[in-house]
Amino acid sequence: MHEALTVGRIEKGVKCNVSGCGREAARSISVDKVKAVLNVSSKEKRAYICKEHYKEYKKKTKKDKTLDKWRYGHP
């Protein structure tokens, strides 16, 4: 049998882009969205963040997402 190919950067073991964090990344999000909430040091289009920082990102952006849903009428 053939081994599964590792395609994405997260599967290859890229580290979290948040300043001072060295954990392995779990998610990749647009740098523009993440920079507004977290201190990210990335010059690329995508920011790679670990599980803990992803939780923090979700908590801090929850209110904005709710307001957008109300504003544009999405369920």
N, C-alpha and C. Protein backbone atom coordinates (compact mmCIF):
# COMPACT_ATOMS: atom_id res chain seq x y z
N MET A 1 0.84 -1.19 0.00
CA MET A 1 0.00 0.00 0.00
C MET A 1 0.88 1.24 0.00
N HIS A 2 0.33 2.31 -0.56
CA HIS A 2 1.04 3.59 -0.60
C HIS A 2 0.70 4.40 0.64
N GLU A 3 1.67 5.17 1.10
CA GLU A 3 1.41 6.06 2.23
C GLU A 3 0.66 7.28 1.74
N ALA A 4 -0.13 7.86 2.62
CA ALA A 4 -0.89 9.06 2.27
C ALA A 4 0.08 10.23 2.09
N LEU A 5 -0.16 11.02 1.05
CA LEU A 5 0.67 12.19 0.80
C LEU A 5 0.25 13.34 1.70
N THR A 6 1.22 14.07 2.21
CA THR A 6 0.90 15.26 2.99
C THR A 6 0.90 16.43 2.03
N VAL A 7 -0.26 17.03 1.86
CA VAL A 7 -0.44 18.06 0.84
C VAL A 7 -0.31 19.46 1.41
N GLY A 8 -1.06 19.77 2.46
CA GLY A 8 -1.11 21.13 2.99
C GLY A 8 0.03 21.45 3.93
N ARG A 9 0.18 22.73 4.21
CA ARG A 9 1.25 23.17 5.11
C ARG A 9 1.01 22.72 6.54
N ILE A 10 -0.26 22.68 6.95
CA ILE A 10 -0.56 22.27 8.33
C ILE A 10 -0.16 20.81 8.54
N GLU A 11 -0.44 19.96 7.55
CA GLU A 11 -0.04 18.56 7.66
C GLU A 11 1.47 18.40 7.68
N LYS A 12 2.17 19.35 7.08
CA LYS A 12 3.63 19.29 7.04
C LYS A 12 4.26 19.81 8.32
N GLY A 13 3.47 20.40 9.21
CA GLY A 13 3.96 20.81 10.53
C GLY A 13 4.36 22.26 10.65
N VAL A 14 3.69 23.17 9.93
CA VAL A 14 3.99 24.59 10.05
C VAL A 14 3.63 25.08 11.45
N LYS A 15 4.37 26.05 11.96
CA LYS A 15 4.17 26.56 13.31
C LYS A 15 3.19 27.74 13.33
N CYS A 16 2.65 28.02 14.49
CA CYS A 16 1.71 29.12 14.71
C CYS A 16 2.41 30.45 14.43
N ASN A 17 1.71 31.37 13.72
CA ASN A 17 2.28 32.68 13.37
C ASN A 17 2.07 33.75 14.44
N VAL A 18 1.39 33.44 15.53
CA VAL A 18 1.18 34.43 16.58
C VAL A 18 2.51 34.65 17.29
N SER A 19 2.84 35.93 17.53
CA SER A 19 4.11 36.29 18.16
C SER A 19 4.26 35.60 19.52
N GLY A 20 5.40 34.95 19.72
CA GLY A 20 5.69 34.29 20.98
C GLY A 20 5.15 32.88 21.11
N CYS A 21 4.49 32.37 20.09
CA CYS A 21 3.93 31.01 20.14
C CYS A 21 4.73 30.11 19.20
N GLY A 22 5.01 28.90 19.64
CA GLY A 22 5.78 27.98 18.82
C GLY A 22 5.07 26.66 18.57
N ARG A 23 3.78 26.60 18.93
CA ARG A 23 3.02 25.36 18.77
C ARG A 23 2.70 25.10 17.30
N GLU A 24 2.33 23.86 17.00
CA GLU A 24 1.97 23.51 15.63
C GLU A 24 0.62 24.11 15.28
N ALA A 25 0.49 24.58 14.04
CA ALA A 25 -0.73 25.22 13.58
C ALA A 25 -1.84 24.20 13.36
N ALA A 26 -3.07 24.63 13.63
CA ALA A 26 -4.23 23.78 13.43
C ALA A 26 -5.14 24.34 12.33
N ARG A 27 -5.08 25.65 12.11
CA ARG A 27 -5.94 26.32 11.13
C ARG A 27 -5.16 27.36 10.35
N SER A 28 -5.67 27.69 9.17
CA SER A 28 -5.12 28.82 8.43
C SER A 28 -6.28 29.76 8.12
N ILE A 29 -6.07 31.04 8.39
CA ILE A 29 -7.08 32.07 8.21
C ILE A 29 -6.43 33.25 7.50
N SER A 30 -7.22 34.03 6.80
CA SER A 30 -6.73 35.21 6.12
C SER A 30 -6.01 36.13 7.11
N VAL A 31 -4.84 36.62 6.73
CA VAL A 31 -4.05 37.49 7.60
C VAL A 31 -4.83 38.75 7.96
N ASP A 32 -5.58 39.31 7.03
CA ASP A 32 -6.34 40.53 7.30
C ASP A 32 -7.34 40.34 8.43
N LYS A 33 -7.99 39.20 8.47
CA LYS A 33 -8.98 38.92 9.52
C LYS A 33 -8.30 38.70 10.88
N VAL A 34 -7.19 37.99 10.87
CA VAL A 34 -6.53 37.63 12.12
C VAL A 34 -5.79 38.82 12.73
N LYS A 35 -5.18 39.68 11.90
CA LYS A 35 -4.41 40.82 12.41
C LYS A 35 -5.26 41.77 13.25
N ALA A 36 -6.54 41.85 12.96
CA ALA A 36 -7.43 42.73 13.72
C ALA A 36 -7.63 42.22 15.16
N VAL A 37 -7.39 40.93 15.38
CA VAL A 37 -7.68 40.32 16.68
C VAL A 37 -6.42 39.86 17.42
N LEU A 38 -5.49 39.25 16.70
CA LEU A 38 -4.29 38.68 17.32
C LEU A 38 -3.03 39.35 16.78
N ASN A 39 -1.94 39.24 17.52
CA ASN A 39 -0.66 39.81 17.11
C ASN A 39 0.07 38.78 16.23
N VAL A 40 -0.17 38.86 14.93
CA VAL A 40 0.36 37.88 13.99
C VAL A 40 1.56 38.46 13.26
N SER A 41 2.60 37.65 13.12
CA SER A 41 3.78 38.06 12.37
C SER A 41 3.87 37.21 11.11
N SER A 42 3.16 37.61 10.06
CA SER A 42 3.18 36.88 8.80
C SER A 42 3.08 37.86 7.64
N LYS A 43 3.89 37.63 6.63
CA LYS A 43 3.87 38.48 5.44
C LYS A 43 3.14 37.78 4.30
N GLU A 44 2.58 36.63 4.57
CA GLU A 44 1.85 35.86 3.56
C GLU A 44 0.37 36.23 3.59
N LYS A 45 -0.39 35.65 2.68
CA LYS A 45 -1.83 35.90 2.63
C LYS A 45 -2.58 35.16 3.72
N ARG A 46 -2.02 34.01 4.13
CA ARG A 46 -2.66 33.18 5.15
C ARG A 46 -1.86 33.22 6.44
N ALA A 47 -2.56 33.23 7.56
CA ALA A 47 -1.92 33.14 8.87
C ALA A 47 -2.23 31.76 9.44
N TYR A 48 -1.23 31.10 9.94
CA TYR A 48 -1.40 29.78 10.51
C TYR A 48 -1.42 29.92 12.02
N ILE A 49 -2.50 29.43 12.64
CA ILE A 49 -2.65 29.58 14.09
C ILE A 49 -2.95 28.23 14.74
N CYS A 50 -2.49 28.08 15.99
CA CYS A 50 -2.68 26.84 16.75
C CYS A 50 -4.11 26.77 17.28
N LYS A 51 -4.43 25.65 17.88
CA LYS A 51 -5.78 25.42 18.40
C LYS A 51 -6.18 26.44 19.46
N GLU A 52 -5.26 26.76 20.37
CA GLU A 52 -5.55 27.70 21.45
C GLU A 52 -5.83 29.11 20.91
N HIS A 53 -5.01 29.56 19.96
CA HIS A 53 -5.21 30.88 19.40
C HIS A 53 -6.45 30.93 18.50
N TYR A 54 -6.81 29.79 17.89
CA TYR A 54 -8.03 29.75 17.10
C TYR A 54 -9.25 29.94 18.00
N LYS A 55 -9.22 29.32 19.19
CA LYS A 55 -10.31 29.51 20.16
C LYS A 55 -10.43 30.98 20.55
N GLU A 56 -9.28 31.60 20.82
CA GLU A 56 -9.25 33.01 21.19
C GLU A 56 -9.80 33.88 20.04
N TYR A 57 -9.40 33.56 18.81
CA TYR A 57 -9.88 34.28 17.62
C TYR A 57 -11.40 34.17 17.49
N LYS A 58 -11.93 32.96 17.69
CA LYS A 58 -13.37 32.76 17.58
C LYS A 58 -14.13 33.55 18.65
N LYS A 59 -13.62 33.56 19.88
CA LYS A 59 -14.28 34.29 20.97
C LYS A 59 -14.31 35.79 20.69
N LYS A 60 -13.20 36.31 20.19
CA LYS A 60 -13.12 37.75 19.95
C LYS A 60 -13.91 38.22 18.72
N THR A 61 -14.20 37.32 17.78
CA THR A 61 -14.92 37.72 16.57
C THR A 61 -16.39 37.30 16.60
N LYS A 62 -16.82 36.64 17.67
CA LYS A 62 -18.19 36.15 17.74
C LYS A 62 -19.22 37.28 17.65
N LYS A 63 -18.99 38.37 18.35
CA LYS A 63 -19.92 39.49 18.36
C LYS A 63 -20.05 40.10 16.96
N ASP A 64 -18.92 40.27 16.28
CA ASP A 64 -18.94 40.83 14.93
C ASP A 64 -19.71 39.94 13.95
N LYS A 65 -19.52 38.63 14.06
CA LYS A 65 -20.24 37.70 13.19
C LYS A 65 -21.74 37.76 13.43
N THR A 66 -22.14 37.86 14.69
CA THR A 66 -23.55 37.94 15.04
C THR A 66 -24.17 39.22 14.47
N LEU A 67 -23.46 40.34 14.60
CA LEU A 67 -23.96 41.60 14.06
C LEU A 67 -24.10 41.55 12.54
N ASP A 68 -23.14 40.92 11.87
CA ASP A 68 -23.22 40.78 10.41
C ASP A 68 -24.41 39.93 10.00
N LYS A 69 -24.68 38.88 10.76
CA LYS A 69 -25.84 38.03 10.45
C LYS A 69 -27.13 38.82 10.57
N TRP A 70 -27.23 39.64 11.62
CA TRP A 70 -28.43 40.46 11.81
C TRP A 70 -28.55 41.49 10.71
N ARG A 71 -27.43 42.10 10.36
CA ARG A 71 -27.42 43.17 9.37
C ARG A 71 -27.84 42.67 7.99
N TYR A 72 -27.31 41.51 7.60
CA TYR A 72 -27.56 41.01 6.25
C TYR A 72 -28.62 39.93 6.18
N GLY A 73 -29.20 39.57 7.30
CA GLY A 73 -30.34 38.66 7.33
C GLY A 73 -30.02 37.20 7.04
N HIS A 74 -28.79 36.77 7.31
CA HIS A 74 -28.45 35.37 7.12
C HIS A 74 -28.86 34.59 8.36
N PRO A 75 -29.35 33.37 8.17
CA PRO A 75 -29.79 32.57 9.31
C PRO A 75 -28.68 32.15 10.23
